[in-house]
Amino acid sequence: MTPPRIRPPYTADERTQLVGWLDMQRAIVHWKCEGLSDADAHRPVLPASPQMTMAGVVSHMRWVEHCWFEVMLMGRPAEGPMFDDGPEDADMRVDGIPLAQLLDEYDRQCAVSDEIIAAHSLDDVGRHPDFGAAAANLRWILFHMIEETARHAGHMDAIRELVDGEKGYY
C-alpha cells in the first residue's frame, strides 16, 4: 500500500517539517511504483543510463538511506553495494529482484532511518572516521535526503511516463 502523501503543517517546528517533507518524498517513490509490473520496473528507458530503472532507483534510495543515517551519522560499518569495489552503480543493479521486495527493503531501511532520526538532536554530527561527509549534522543530512529523494522521485516520474504513460504530479 502506498503511504499517504501529506505535506507538513505550515507552522510546524523544524524537526516536524524536515521529517514531514522527507516522508512525503518517500511516499512519492512508492506512488510512482504503484501498479507497475516487474518487467516494466526493470525496463531501461534511457539508453545512456541502463541501470536507471524504476527498480534500480528504489534500490538506490534504500542504500542512500543506509549510507547517510547508518554509516555517516551512526558510524556503522561501510557495507553494501555503495561501498564495495564492484561495478559502478552496483546499488542499482537489481535484475531478477521483484519490485515488491525492493520496496519492502526500502521501507525497512526507512524505518531504521526513522529510529535514528528520532533518537538524535538535529545538531548531532556524524561519527564515521573514514568519510569527510560524516562531519555533517543530522539537520544537514535531512536536508540532503529531502533533496536526494525528491530528485530521484522526479527521475521516477519521467521514467514511469516513458515506461507506460502514467503520470501525475503531487
N, C-alpha and C. Protein backbone atom coordinates (compact mmCIF):
# COMPACT_ATOMS: atom_id res chain seq x y z
N MET A 1 0.83 -1.18 0.00
CA MET A 1 0.00 0.00 0.00
C MET A 1 0.88 1.25 0.00
N THR A 2 0.52 2.20 -0.80
CA THR A 2 1.28 3.44 -0.89
C THR A 2 1.04 4.30 0.34
N PRO A 3 2.13 4.75 0.99
CA PRO A 3 1.95 5.65 2.15
C PRO A 3 1.30 6.95 1.71
N PRO A 4 0.60 7.63 2.61
CA PRO A 4 -0.06 8.89 2.24
C PRO A 4 0.97 9.98 1.96
N ARG A 5 0.62 10.84 1.01
CA ARG A 5 1.48 11.97 0.66
C ARG A 5 0.91 13.20 1.36
N ILE A 6 1.51 13.53 2.49
CA ILE A 6 0.99 14.62 3.31
C ILE A 6 2.10 15.63 3.55
N ARG A 7 1.86 16.88 3.20
CA ARG A 7 2.84 17.93 3.49
C ARG A 7 2.77 18.25 4.99
N PRO A 8 3.92 18.63 5.56
CA PRO A 8 3.89 19.00 6.98
C PRO A 8 3.14 20.32 7.18
N PRO A 9 2.65 20.55 8.38
CA PRO A 9 1.94 21.81 8.67
C PRO A 9 2.83 23.02 8.42
N TYR A 10 2.23 24.11 7.95
CA TYR A 10 2.96 25.34 7.63
C TYR A 10 3.72 25.90 8.82
N THR A 11 3.20 25.74 10.01
CA THR A 11 3.81 26.35 11.18
C THR A 11 4.46 25.34 12.12
N ALA A 12 4.70 24.14 11.63
CA ALA A 12 5.31 23.10 12.47
C ALA A 12 6.75 23.49 12.83
N ASP A 13 7.26 22.87 13.89
CA ASP A 13 8.64 23.09 14.28
C ASP A 13 9.58 22.50 13.21
N GLU A 14 10.84 22.84 13.33
CA GLU A 14 11.82 22.46 12.31
C GLU A 14 11.90 20.95 12.10
N ARG A 15 12.00 20.17 13.16
CA ARG A 15 12.11 18.72 13.03
C ARG A 15 10.87 18.15 12.33
N THR A 16 9.70 18.58 12.74
CA THR A 16 8.46 18.08 12.13
C THR A 16 8.43 18.40 10.64
N GLN A 17 8.88 19.60 10.28
CA GLN A 17 8.89 19.96 8.86
C GLN A 17 9.90 19.11 8.09
N LEU A 18 11.11 18.97 8.60
CA LEU A 18 12.13 18.19 7.90
C LEU A 18 11.70 16.74 7.72
N VAL A 19 11.26 16.11 8.79
CA VAL A 19 10.83 14.72 8.71
C VAL A 19 9.58 14.59 7.83
N GLY A 20 8.67 15.56 7.94
CA GLY A 20 7.45 15.53 7.13
C GLY A 20 7.74 15.61 5.64
N TRP A 21 8.65 16.51 5.24
CA TRP A 21 8.99 16.61 3.81
C TRP A 21 9.71 15.36 3.33
N LEU A 22 10.57 14.78 4.15
CA LEU A 22 11.23 13.54 3.76
C LEU A 22 10.21 12.42 3.61
N ASP A 23 9.30 12.30 4.56
CA ASP A 23 8.27 11.26 4.47
C ASP A 23 7.41 11.42 3.22
N MET A 24 7.08 12.66 2.87
CA MET A 24 6.27 12.87 1.68
C MET A 24 7.02 12.43 0.43
N GLN A 25 8.30 12.75 0.34
CA GLN A 25 9.08 12.33 -0.83
C GLN A 25 9.23 10.81 -0.87
N ARG A 26 9.39 10.19 0.27
CA ARG A 26 9.44 8.72 0.31
C ARG A 26 8.12 8.13 -0.19
N ALA A 27 7.01 8.75 0.19
CA ALA A 27 5.69 8.27 -0.27
C ALA A 27 5.55 8.43 -1.78
N ILE A 28 6.13 9.48 -2.34
CA ILE A 28 6.07 9.67 -3.79
C ILE A 28 6.85 8.56 -4.50
N VAL A 29 7.96 8.10 -3.94
CA VAL A 29 8.69 6.96 -4.50
C VAL A 29 7.75 5.78 -4.63
N HIS A 30 6.99 5.49 -3.59
CA HIS A 30 6.02 4.39 -3.64
C HIS A 30 4.94 4.65 -4.68
N TRP A 31 4.41 5.85 -4.69
CA TRP A 31 3.33 6.20 -5.60
C TRP A 31 3.76 5.98 -7.06
N LYS A 32 4.97 6.35 -7.38
CA LYS A 32 5.45 6.21 -8.75
C LYS A 32 5.56 4.74 -9.17
N CYS A 33 5.66 3.84 -8.20
CA CYS A 33 5.77 2.41 -8.49
C CYS A 33 4.42 1.69 -8.48
N GLU A 34 3.39 2.36 -8.02
CA GLU A 34 2.08 1.73 -7.85
C GLU A 34 1.55 1.16 -9.18
N GLY A 35 1.19 -0.12 -9.15
CA GLY A 35 0.60 -0.77 -10.31
C GLY A 35 1.59 -1.15 -11.40
N LEU A 36 2.85 -1.00 -11.17
CA LEU A 36 3.88 -1.28 -12.17
C LEU A 36 4.24 -2.76 -12.15
N SER A 37 4.32 -3.38 -13.31
CA SER A 37 4.72 -4.79 -13.37
C SER A 37 6.22 -4.90 -13.12
N ASP A 38 6.67 -6.09 -12.72
CA ASP A 38 8.10 -6.30 -12.51
C ASP A 38 8.88 -6.09 -13.81
N ALA A 39 8.31 -6.54 -14.92
CA ALA A 39 9.00 -6.36 -16.20
C ALA A 39 9.19 -4.87 -16.49
N ASP A 40 8.15 -4.07 -16.29
CA ASP A 40 8.27 -2.63 -16.54
C ASP A 40 9.17 -1.95 -15.51
N ALA A 41 9.16 -2.44 -14.28
CA ALA A 41 10.01 -1.85 -13.24
C ALA A 41 11.49 -2.02 -13.56
N HIS A 42 11.82 -3.05 -14.31
CA HIS A 42 13.21 -3.34 -14.65
C HIS A 42 13.58 -2.91 -16.07
N ARG A 43 12.63 -2.30 -16.78
CA ARG A 43 12.88 -1.93 -18.18
C ARG A 43 13.63 -0.60 -18.26
N PRO A 44 14.82 -0.63 -18.88
CA PRO A 44 15.55 0.62 -19.06
C PRO A 44 14.93 1.45 -20.19
N VAL A 45 14.84 2.75 -19.98
CA VAL A 45 14.27 3.63 -21.00
C VAL A 45 15.22 4.75 -21.39
N LEU A 46 16.35 4.83 -20.72
CA LEU A 46 17.35 5.86 -21.01
C LEU A 46 18.60 5.15 -21.55
N PRO A 47 18.84 5.21 -22.86
CA PRO A 47 19.93 4.44 -23.46
C PRO A 47 21.30 4.64 -22.80
N ALA A 48 21.61 5.85 -22.38
CA ALA A 48 22.92 6.11 -21.78
C ALA A 48 22.98 5.75 -20.30
N SER A 49 21.85 5.39 -19.72
CA SER A 49 21.78 5.05 -18.28
C SER A 49 20.96 3.78 -18.08
N PRO A 50 21.48 2.64 -18.49
CA PRO A 50 20.68 1.40 -18.44
C PRO A 50 20.31 0.93 -17.04
N GLN A 51 21.00 1.39 -16.00
CA GLN A 51 20.64 0.99 -14.63
C GLN A 51 19.54 1.88 -14.05
N MET A 52 19.23 2.98 -14.73
CA MET A 52 18.23 3.94 -14.24
C MET A 52 16.84 3.43 -14.59
N THR A 53 16.43 2.39 -13.87
CA THR A 53 15.10 1.82 -13.99
C THR A 53 14.33 2.16 -12.73
N MET A 54 13.03 1.94 -12.75
CA MET A 54 12.26 2.18 -11.54
C MET A 54 12.80 1.32 -10.39
N ALA A 55 13.05 0.05 -10.67
CA ALA A 55 13.58 -0.85 -9.65
C ALA A 55 14.96 -0.41 -9.19
N GLY A 56 15.80 0.02 -10.12
CA GLY A 56 17.14 0.48 -9.78
C GLY A 56 17.12 1.70 -8.88
N VAL A 57 16.21 2.62 -9.15
CA VAL A 57 16.12 3.83 -8.33
C VAL A 57 15.64 3.48 -6.93
N VAL A 58 14.67 2.58 -6.81
CA VAL A 58 14.20 2.17 -5.48
C VAL A 58 15.36 1.57 -4.68
N SER A 59 16.13 0.71 -5.31
CA SER A 59 17.27 0.11 -4.62
C SER A 59 18.29 1.19 -4.23
N HIS A 60 18.56 2.09 -5.14
CA HIS A 60 19.49 3.18 -4.84
C HIS A 60 19.03 3.97 -3.62
N MET A 61 17.74 4.28 -3.57
CA MET A 61 17.22 5.06 -2.44
C MET A 61 17.36 4.29 -1.13
N ARG A 62 17.19 3.00 -1.17
CA ARG A 62 17.38 2.18 0.04
C ARG A 62 18.81 2.32 0.54
N TRP A 63 19.77 2.24 -0.39
CA TRP A 63 21.17 2.30 0.01
C TRP A 63 21.62 3.70 0.39
N VAL A 64 21.00 4.72 -0.19
CA VAL A 64 21.31 6.10 0.21
C VAL A 64 20.86 6.33 1.66
N GLU A 65 19.67 5.83 2.01
CA GLU A 65 19.21 5.92 3.40
C GLU A 65 20.23 5.26 4.32
N HIS A 66 20.66 4.07 3.97
CA HIS A 66 21.64 3.32 4.77
C HIS A 66 22.93 4.12 4.91
N CYS A 67 23.42 4.65 3.80
CA CYS A 67 24.68 5.38 3.78
C CYS A 67 24.65 6.58 4.73
N TRP A 68 23.63 7.41 4.60
CA TRP A 68 23.64 8.66 5.36
C TRP A 68 23.28 8.49 6.83
N PHE A 69 22.30 7.65 7.13
CA PHE A 69 21.88 7.54 8.53
C PHE A 69 22.69 6.51 9.31
N GLU A 70 22.91 5.34 8.74
CA GLU A 70 23.63 4.31 9.48
C GLU A 70 25.15 4.49 9.42
N VAL A 71 25.67 4.76 8.22
CA VAL A 71 27.12 4.83 8.08
C VAL A 71 27.65 6.21 8.49
N MET A 72 27.21 7.26 7.80
CA MET A 72 27.76 8.59 8.08
C MET A 72 27.41 9.08 9.49
N LEU A 73 26.11 9.05 9.83
CA LEU A 73 25.71 9.59 11.13
C LEU A 73 26.10 8.67 12.28
N MET A 74 25.76 7.40 12.19
CA MET A 74 25.98 6.49 13.31
C MET A 74 27.40 5.90 13.36
N GLY A 75 28.12 5.96 12.24
CA GLY A 75 29.47 5.40 12.22
C GLY A 75 29.51 3.89 12.09
N ARG A 76 28.43 3.30 11.62
CA ARG A 76 28.40 1.85 11.44
C ARG A 76 29.27 1.46 10.25
N PRO A 77 29.60 0.17 10.11
CA PRO A 77 30.49 -0.26 9.02
C PRO A 77 29.96 0.15 7.64
N ALA A 78 30.87 0.56 6.79
CA ALA A 78 30.53 0.97 5.42
C ALA A 78 30.40 -0.29 4.57
N GLU A 79 29.24 -0.91 4.67
CA GLU A 79 28.96 -2.16 3.95
C GLU A 79 27.81 -1.94 2.99
N GLY A 80 27.79 -2.72 1.93
CA GLY A 80 26.73 -2.65 0.93
C GLY A 80 27.29 -2.22 -0.42
N PRO A 81 26.47 -2.26 -1.45
CA PRO A 81 26.96 -2.02 -2.81
C PRO A 81 27.53 -0.64 -3.05
N MET A 82 27.17 0.34 -2.25
CA MET A 82 27.72 1.69 -2.45
C MET A 82 29.18 1.77 -1.98
N PHE A 83 29.60 0.80 -1.19
CA PHE A 83 30.94 0.83 -0.63
C PHE A 83 31.82 -0.30 -1.15
N ASP A 84 31.25 -1.25 -1.87
CA ASP A 84 32.02 -2.37 -2.41
C ASP A 84 32.87 -1.90 -3.59
N ASP A 85 33.83 -2.71 -3.94
CA ASP A 85 34.67 -2.41 -5.09
C ASP A 85 34.07 -2.97 -6.38
N GLY A 86 32.77 -3.20 -6.37
CA GLY A 86 32.09 -3.76 -7.53
C GLY A 86 31.90 -2.73 -8.63
N PRO A 87 31.04 -3.05 -9.57
CA PRO A 87 30.82 -2.16 -10.72
C PRO A 87 30.16 -0.84 -10.30
N GLU A 88 30.35 0.17 -11.14
CA GLU A 88 29.68 1.45 -10.91
C GLU A 88 28.18 1.23 -10.86
N ASP A 89 27.50 1.97 -10.03
CA ASP A 89 26.05 1.86 -9.86
C ASP A 89 25.62 0.48 -9.39
N ALA A 90 26.46 -0.18 -8.60
CA ALA A 90 26.13 -1.53 -8.13
C ALA A 90 24.83 -1.55 -7.35
N ASP A 91 24.52 -0.45 -6.65
CA ASP A 91 23.28 -0.40 -5.87
C ASP A 91 22.04 -0.36 -6.76
N MET A 92 22.22 -0.10 -8.04
CA MET A 92 21.09 -0.04 -8.97
C MET A 92 20.98 -1.30 -9.84
N ARG A 93 21.87 -2.23 -9.66
CA ARG A 93 21.87 -3.47 -10.46
C ARG A 93 21.02 -4.51 -9.74
N VAL A 94 19.77 -4.58 -10.14
CA VAL A 94 18.78 -5.38 -9.41
C VAL A 94 18.01 -6.35 -10.29
N ASP A 95 18.61 -6.75 -11.41
CA ASP A 95 17.93 -7.70 -12.29
C ASP A 95 17.47 -8.92 -11.51
N GLY A 96 16.23 -9.32 -11.73
CA GLY A 96 15.69 -10.51 -11.10
C GLY A 96 15.14 -10.30 -9.70
N ILE A 97 15.29 -9.13 -9.13
CA ILE A 97 14.75 -8.87 -7.79
C ILE A 97 13.38 -8.20 -7.98
N PRO A 98 12.32 -8.81 -7.47
CA PRO A 98 10.98 -8.25 -7.65
C PRO A 98 10.86 -6.84 -7.04
N LEU A 99 10.10 -6.00 -7.71
CA LEU A 99 9.88 -4.63 -7.24
C LEU A 99 9.30 -4.63 -5.83
N ALA A 100 8.37 -5.54 -5.55
CA ALA A 100 7.76 -5.59 -4.20
C ALA A 100 8.83 -5.83 -3.14
N GLN A 101 9.80 -6.68 -3.42
CA GLN A 101 10.89 -6.93 -2.47
C GLN A 101 11.74 -5.68 -2.29
N LEU A 102 12.05 -4.99 -3.38
CA LEU A 102 12.86 -3.77 -3.29
C LEU A 102 12.13 -2.70 -2.49
N LEU A 103 10.82 -2.55 -2.70
CA LEU A 103 10.04 -1.56 -1.94
C LEU A 103 9.99 -1.94 -0.46
N ASP A 104 9.87 -3.23 -0.18
CA ASP A 104 9.87 -3.69 1.21
C ASP A 104 11.23 -3.40 1.88
N GLU A 105 12.32 -3.65 1.17
CA GLU A 105 13.64 -3.35 1.71
C GLU A 105 13.81 -1.85 1.93
N TYR A 106 13.28 -1.05 1.02
CA TYR A 106 13.33 0.41 1.18
C TYR A 106 12.53 0.82 2.42
N ASP A 107 11.34 0.26 2.60
CA ASP A 107 10.53 0.58 3.78
C ASP A 107 11.26 0.22 5.07
N ARG A 108 11.87 -0.97 5.10
CA ARG A 108 12.59 -1.39 6.31
C ARG A 108 13.77 -0.45 6.58
N GLN A 109 14.47 -0.05 5.53
CA GLN A 109 15.60 0.86 5.73
C GLN A 109 15.11 2.22 6.21
N CYS A 110 14.00 2.70 5.66
CA CYS A 110 13.44 3.98 6.11
C CYS A 110 13.03 3.90 7.58
N ALA A 111 12.53 2.74 8.01
CA ALA A 111 12.15 2.57 9.42
C ALA A 111 13.39 2.66 10.31
N VAL A 112 14.50 2.07 9.88
CA VAL A 112 15.76 2.18 10.63
C VAL A 112 16.18 3.64 10.68
N SER A 113 16.12 4.32 9.54
CA SER A 113 16.48 5.74 9.49
C SER A 113 15.61 6.55 10.44
N ASP A 114 14.32 6.26 10.45
CA ASP A 114 13.39 6.99 11.32
C ASP A 114 13.74 6.81 12.79
N GLU A 115 14.14 5.60 13.18
CA GLU A 115 14.54 5.35 14.57
C GLU A 115 15.78 6.18 14.91
N ILE A 116 16.72 6.23 13.99
CA ILE A 116 17.94 7.01 14.21
C ILE A 116 17.61 8.49 14.33
N ILE A 117 16.77 8.98 13.42
CA ILE A 117 16.38 10.40 13.43
C ILE A 117 15.72 10.74 14.77
N ALA A 118 14.81 9.90 15.22
CA ALA A 118 14.07 10.17 16.45
C ALA A 118 14.98 10.19 17.68
N ALA A 119 16.07 9.46 17.62
CA ALA A 119 16.95 9.33 18.79
C ALA A 119 18.05 10.39 18.84
N HIS A 120 18.08 11.29 17.86
CA HIS A 120 19.19 12.25 17.80
C HIS A 120 18.72 13.68 17.66
N SER A 121 19.53 14.57 18.17
CA SER A 121 19.33 16.00 18.01
C SER A 121 19.68 16.40 16.58
N LEU A 122 19.03 17.43 16.08
CA LEU A 122 19.37 17.93 14.74
C LEU A 122 20.81 18.43 14.69
N ASP A 123 21.39 18.74 15.81
CA ASP A 123 22.77 19.23 15.87
C ASP A 123 23.81 18.12 16.01
N ASP A 124 23.37 16.88 16.23
CA ASP A 124 24.33 15.77 16.34
C ASP A 124 25.06 15.58 15.01
N VAL A 125 26.36 15.38 15.08
CA VAL A 125 27.16 15.19 13.87
C VAL A 125 27.52 13.72 13.70
N GLY A 126 27.89 13.39 12.46
CA GLY A 126 28.24 12.02 12.11
C GLY A 126 29.46 11.52 12.86
N ARG A 127 29.60 10.20 12.83
CA ARG A 127 30.64 9.55 13.63
C ARG A 127 31.63 8.73 12.82
N HIS A 128 31.40 8.59 11.51
CA HIS A 128 32.28 7.68 10.76
C HIS A 128 33.64 8.34 10.53
N PRO A 129 34.71 7.70 11.00
CA PRO A 129 36.04 8.33 10.91
C PRO A 129 36.64 8.35 9.50
N ASP A 130 36.08 7.58 8.58
CA ASP A 130 36.71 7.44 7.26
C ASP A 130 36.11 8.34 6.18
N PHE A 131 35.07 9.11 6.50
CA PHE A 131 34.40 9.91 5.49
C PHE A 131 34.25 11.36 5.96
N GLY A 132 34.72 12.29 5.16
CA GLY A 132 34.58 13.70 5.48
C GLY A 132 33.13 14.11 5.62
N ALA A 133 32.23 13.46 4.85
CA ALA A 133 30.80 13.79 4.91
C ALA A 133 30.20 13.49 6.28
N ALA A 134 30.88 12.70 7.08
CA ALA A 134 30.38 12.40 8.42
C ALA A 134 30.44 13.63 9.33
N ALA A 135 31.06 14.71 8.87
CA ALA A 135 31.08 15.96 9.64
C ALA A 135 29.73 16.66 9.61
N ALA A 136 28.83 16.20 8.74
CA ALA A 136 27.50 16.81 8.63
C ALA A 136 26.68 16.51 9.87
N ASN A 137 25.85 17.49 10.26
CA ASN A 137 24.94 17.21 11.37
C ASN A 137 23.64 16.61 10.82
N LEU A 138 22.80 16.13 11.71
CA LEU A 138 21.55 15.49 11.30
C LEU A 138 20.68 16.45 10.49
N ARG A 139 20.66 17.70 10.83
CA ARG A 139 19.88 18.69 10.09
C ARG A 139 20.31 18.70 8.62
N TRP A 140 21.63 18.79 8.39
CA TRP A 140 22.18 18.80 7.03
C TRP A 140 21.80 17.51 6.30
N ILE A 141 21.93 16.39 7.00
CA ILE A 141 21.60 15.09 6.39
C ILE A 141 20.13 15.04 5.99
N LEU A 142 19.25 15.54 6.84
CA LEU A 142 17.83 15.56 6.49
C LEU A 142 17.56 16.43 5.27
N PHE A 143 18.16 17.63 5.23
CA PHE A 143 18.01 18.46 4.03
C PHE A 143 18.51 17.72 2.80
N HIS A 144 19.66 17.09 2.92
CA HIS A 144 20.22 16.36 1.78
C HIS A 144 19.30 15.21 1.36
N MET A 145 18.77 14.48 2.33
CA MET A 145 17.90 13.35 1.99
C MET A 145 16.59 13.80 1.36
N ILE A 146 16.08 14.95 1.76
CA ILE A 146 14.89 15.50 1.09
C ILE A 146 15.25 15.79 -0.37
N GLU A 147 16.37 16.47 -0.58
CA GLU A 147 16.83 16.80 -1.94
C GLU A 147 17.07 15.54 -2.76
N GLU A 148 17.78 14.59 -2.20
CA GLU A 148 18.11 13.34 -2.91
C GLU A 148 16.85 12.57 -3.28
N THR A 149 15.95 12.42 -2.33
CA THR A 149 14.74 11.65 -2.57
C THR A 149 13.84 12.36 -3.57
N ALA A 150 13.71 13.68 -3.45
CA ALA A 150 12.87 14.44 -4.39
C ALA A 150 13.45 14.39 -5.80
N ARG A 151 14.76 14.50 -5.92
CA ARG A 151 15.40 14.45 -7.25
C ARG A 151 15.12 13.12 -7.92
N HIS A 152 15.28 12.04 -7.16
CA HIS A 152 15.04 10.72 -7.75
C HIS A 152 13.55 10.45 -7.96
N ALA A 153 12.70 11.02 -7.14
CA ALA A 153 11.26 10.90 -7.40
C ALA A 153 10.93 11.58 -8.74
N GLY A 154 11.60 12.67 -9.04
CA GLY A 154 11.43 13.33 -10.33
C GLY A 154 11.91 12.45 -11.48
N HIS A 155 13.06 11.78 -11.27
CA HIS A 155 13.52 10.82 -12.27
C HIS A 155 12.47 9.73 -12.48
N MET A 156 11.92 9.25 -11.36
CA MET A 156 10.92 8.18 -11.45
C MET A 156 9.67 8.64 -12.19
N ASP A 157 9.32 9.90 -12.01
CA ASP A 157 8.16 10.45 -12.72
C ASP A 157 8.39 10.36 -14.23
N ALA A 158 9.57 10.77 -14.68
CA ALA A 158 9.88 10.72 -16.11
C ALA A 158 10.01 9.29 -16.60
N ILE A 159 10.68 8.44 -15.83
CA ILE A 159 10.84 7.03 -16.23
C ILE A 159 9.47 6.37 -16.36
N ARG A 160 8.60 6.60 -15.38
CA ARG A 160 7.27 5.98 -15.40
C ARG A 160 6.49 6.41 -16.64
N GLU A 161 6.56 7.68 -16.99
CA GLU A 161 5.85 8.14 -18.18
C GLU A 161 6.41 7.46 -19.43
N LEU A 162 7.73 7.27 -19.49
CA LEU A 162 8.33 6.60 -20.64
C LEU A 162 8.00 5.11 -20.67
N VAL A 163 7.86 4.50 -19.50
CA VAL A 163 7.57 3.06 -19.42
C VAL A 163 6.15 2.75 -19.85
N ASP A 164 5.17 3.45 -19.27
CA ASP A 164 3.79 3.07 -19.56
C ASP A 164 2.81 4.24 -19.71
N GLY A 165 3.33 5.44 -19.77
CA GLY A 165 2.48 6.59 -19.98
C GLY A 165 1.83 7.17 -18.74
N GLU A 166 1.99 6.49 -17.60
CA GLU A 166 1.39 7.02 -16.36
C GLU A 166 2.12 8.28 -15.93
N LYS A 167 1.37 9.25 -15.50
CA LYS A 167 1.98 10.46 -15.00
C LYS A 167 1.10 11.06 -13.93
N GLY A 168 1.69 11.92 -13.16
CA GLY A 168 0.93 12.58 -12.11
C GLY A 168 1.84 13.49 -11.33
N TYR A 169 1.27 14.52 -10.84
CA TYR A 169 2.02 15.49 -10.07
C TYR A 169 1.40 15.59 -8.70
N TYR A 170 2.25 15.72 -7.71
CA TYR A 170 1.75 15.96 -6.36
C TYR A 170 2.35 17.22 -5.84
